[in-house]
Amino acid sequence: TTRNSEKDYQISWFSDTGDIRYAYMFCLYCSAESNKVELNEYSKLFPLEVGKKIKLQRKKKDKSKSWTHKIKVKKTEMLTTPISAVPVKAFVIEEKIRSNQGKWSGKRTFWWSPELAVVLKLVNNARGDGKKVTYELTDYILPSK
């Protein structure tokens, strides 16, 4: 698949407040309306392969803040989830984020299923409050054709 624009990499979901949120796969805040991301660098991550890694800059459009993101496809593993009776192959993808203004840094790990085209699990240790939170997919609705 040829991807030519920022929209080609976006995923969306409904937040717990009912708002629709947008993100890049494996870079949660990269597609926020207030940010600019090095899309050419991000696109080098695809197609996913173990060992592939990128480093990109995310900047506020008003240039007030910036972050360095390092994203690496670490391995594949079989993952059992609440939506799958049998284990599903998943890429384990690590995102390390560092603020370019100070000491803040964080890490997220994603389990991406190419078969289901969805993130099955996310461990988020980049929230700003120091808490590590694990999210797992508990429901999956196929899009209508």
Protein backbone atom coordinates (compact mmCIF):
# COMPACT_ATOMS: atom_id res chain seq x y z
CA THR A 1 0.00 0.00 0.00
CA THR A 2 1.29 3.45 -0.88
CA ARG A 3 0.82 5.98 1.89
CA ASN A 4 0.98 9.58 0.79
CA SER A 5 -0.41 11.65 3.61
CA GLU A 6 -0.67 11.92 7.37
CA LYS A 7 -4.23 10.52 7.27
CA ASP A 8 -2.90 7.24 5.81
CA TYR A 9 -1.17 6.46 9.13
CA GLN A 10 -3.87 7.59 11.54
CA ILE A 11 -5.97 5.38 13.73
CA SER A 12 -8.97 6.61 15.68
CA TRP A 13 -10.94 5.54 18.73
CA PHE A 14 -13.52 6.85 21.16
CA SER A 15 -12.17 7.96 24.53
CA ASP A 16 -13.88 7.16 27.80
CA THR A 17 -15.54 10.60 27.58
CA GLY A 18 -16.95 9.81 24.12
CA ASP A 19 -14.56 12.12 22.25
CA ILE A 20 -12.95 10.79 19.09
CA ARG A 21 -9.15 10.67 19.33
CA TYR A 22 -6.55 10.30 16.59
CA ALA A 23 -3.04 8.87 16.76
CA TYR A 24 -0.38 7.28 14.64
CA MET A 25 0.12 3.59 15.17
CA PHE A 26 2.86 3.24 17.80
CA CYS A 27 3.15 7.03 18.36
CA LEU A 28 0.06 8.08 20.31
CA TYR A 29 0.37 11.88 20.24
CA CYS A 30 2.03 12.24 16.86
CA SER A 31 -1.13 13.10 14.93
CA ALA A 32 -2.60 15.61 17.37
CA GLU A 33 -3.75 18.74 15.54
CA SER A 34 -1.19 20.83 17.41
CA ASN A 35 1.82 18.67 16.43
CA LYS A 36 4.07 18.30 13.41
CA VAL A 37 5.88 15.00 12.82
CA GLU A 38 8.60 13.89 10.40
CA LEU A 39 6.26 11.78 8.26
CA ASN A 40 9.03 10.58 5.92
CA GLU A 41 10.91 9.09 8.86
CA TYR A 42 7.76 7.55 10.35
CA SER A 43 6.89 5.87 7.03
CA LYS A 44 10.19 3.91 7.13
CA LEU A 45 8.67 1.73 9.86
CA PHE A 46 6.45 0.01 7.30
CA PRO A 47 6.14 -2.77 6.34
CA LEU A 48 6.77 -3.98 9.90
CA GLU A 49 9.77 -6.29 10.34
CA VAL A 50 11.56 -7.43 13.48
CA GLY A 51 14.61 -5.23 14.06
CA LYS A 52 13.31 -2.24 12.10
CA LYS A 53 13.66 1.04 14.00
CA ILE A 54 13.18 4.75 13.45
CA LYS A 55 13.92 7.98 15.28
CA LEU A 56 11.73 11.01 14.69
CA GLN A 57 11.00 14.45 16.07
CA ARG A 58 7.55 15.63 17.13
CA LYS A 59 7.13 19.38 17.52
CA LYS A 60 4.28 21.60 18.58
CA LYS A 61 3.20 23.63 15.57
CA ASP A 62 3.78 26.79 17.62
CA LYS A 63 7.36 25.45 18.25
CA SER A 64 6.93 25.74 22.04
CA LYS A 65 7.88 22.09 22.74
CA SER A 66 9.42 19.08 21.01
CA TRP A 67 10.04 15.41 21.71
CA THR A 68 12.25 12.68 20.32
CA HIS A 69 10.52 9.35 19.60
CA LYS A 70 12.43 6.12 19.05
CA ILE A 71 10.24 3.29 17.76
CA LYS A 72 11.52 -0.26 17.32
CA VAL A 73 9.92 -3.53 16.21
CA LYS A 74 11.42 -5.75 18.92
CA LYS A 75 10.01 -9.21 18.19
CA THR A 76 6.92 -11.24 17.43
CA GLU A 77 5.07 -13.38 19.91
CA MET A 78 1.84 -15.30 20.19
CA LEU A 79 -0.67 -13.48 22.39
CA THR A 80 -3.91 -14.79 23.82
CA THR A 81 -6.55 -12.09 24.29
CA PRO A 82 -10.16 -11.83 25.42
CA ILE A 83 -11.22 -11.58 21.75
CA SER A 84 -9.34 -14.63 20.51
CA ALA A 85 -9.83 -18.24 21.59
CA VAL A 86 -6.46 -19.15 20.11
CA PRO A 87 -3.15 -17.28 20.34
CA VAL A 88 -2.65 -14.58 17.67
CA LYS A 89 0.71 -13.51 16.21
CA ALA A 90 1.63 -10.00 17.33
CA PHE A 91 4.54 -7.66 16.66
CA VAL A 92 5.93 -6.21 19.90
CA ILE A 93 6.74 -2.57 19.21
CA GLU A 94 8.46 -0.27 21.68
CA GLU A 95 8.15 3.52 21.63
CA LYS A 96 10.59 5.53 23.77
CA ILE A 97 9.83 9.24 24.13
CA ARG A 98 12.07 12.00 25.49
CA SER A 99 11.23 15.65 26.00
CA ASN A 100 13.75 17.95 24.32
CA GLN A 101 13.07 20.63 26.99
CA GLY A 102 13.75 18.72 30.18
CA LYS A 103 14.17 15.41 31.96
CA TRP A 104 10.81 13.80 31.14
CA SER A 105 10.91 10.50 29.29
CA GLY A 106 8.59 7.57 28.92
CA LYS A 107 8.00 4.26 27.18
CA ARG A 108 5.06 2.49 25.58
CA THR A 109 4.94 -1.09 24.35
CA PHE A 110 2.35 -2.16 21.77
CA TRP A 111 1.29 -5.66 20.67
CA TRP A 112 0.06 -5.26 17.08
CA SER A 113 -1.79 -8.06 15.29
CA PRO A 114 -1.27 -7.93 11.52
CA GLU A 115 -3.99 -10.57 11.15
CA LEU A 116 -6.63 -8.47 12.95
CA ALA A 117 -5.02 -5.09 12.07
CA VAL A 118 -5.40 -3.84 15.62
CA VAL A 119 -3.40 -3.16 18.79
CA LEU A 120 -4.19 -6.08 21.12
CA LYS A 121 -2.36 -4.72 24.14
CA LEU A 122 -0.63 -1.50 25.22
CA VAL A 123 1.58 -0.95 28.25
CA ASN A 124 1.86 2.79 28.80
CA ASN A 125 4.58 4.15 31.07
CA ALA A 126 4.59 7.60 29.45
CA ARG A 127 1.66 9.31 31.13
CA GLY A 128 3.46 12.07 33.00
CA ASP A 129 2.14 10.90 36.38
CA GLY A 130 4.64 8.05 36.75
CA LYS A 131 1.97 5.35 36.63
CA LYS A 132 2.27 2.30 34.39
CA VAL A 133 -1.07 1.36 32.84
CA THR A 134 -1.88 -1.74 30.78
CA TYR A 135 -4.72 -1.72 28.24
CA GLU A 136 -6.04 -4.86 26.53
CA LEU A 137 -8.53 -5.13 23.72
CA THR A 138 -11.73 -6.64 25.08
CA ASP A 139 -14.06 -6.20 22.12
CA TYR A 140 -13.63 -6.00 18.38
CA ILE A 141 -16.24 -5.05 15.79
CA LEU A 142 -15.38 -5.59 12.14
CA PRO A 143 -16.10 -2.57 9.94
CA SER A 144 -19.08 -2.96 7.64
CA LYS A 145 -18.32 -3.34 3.95
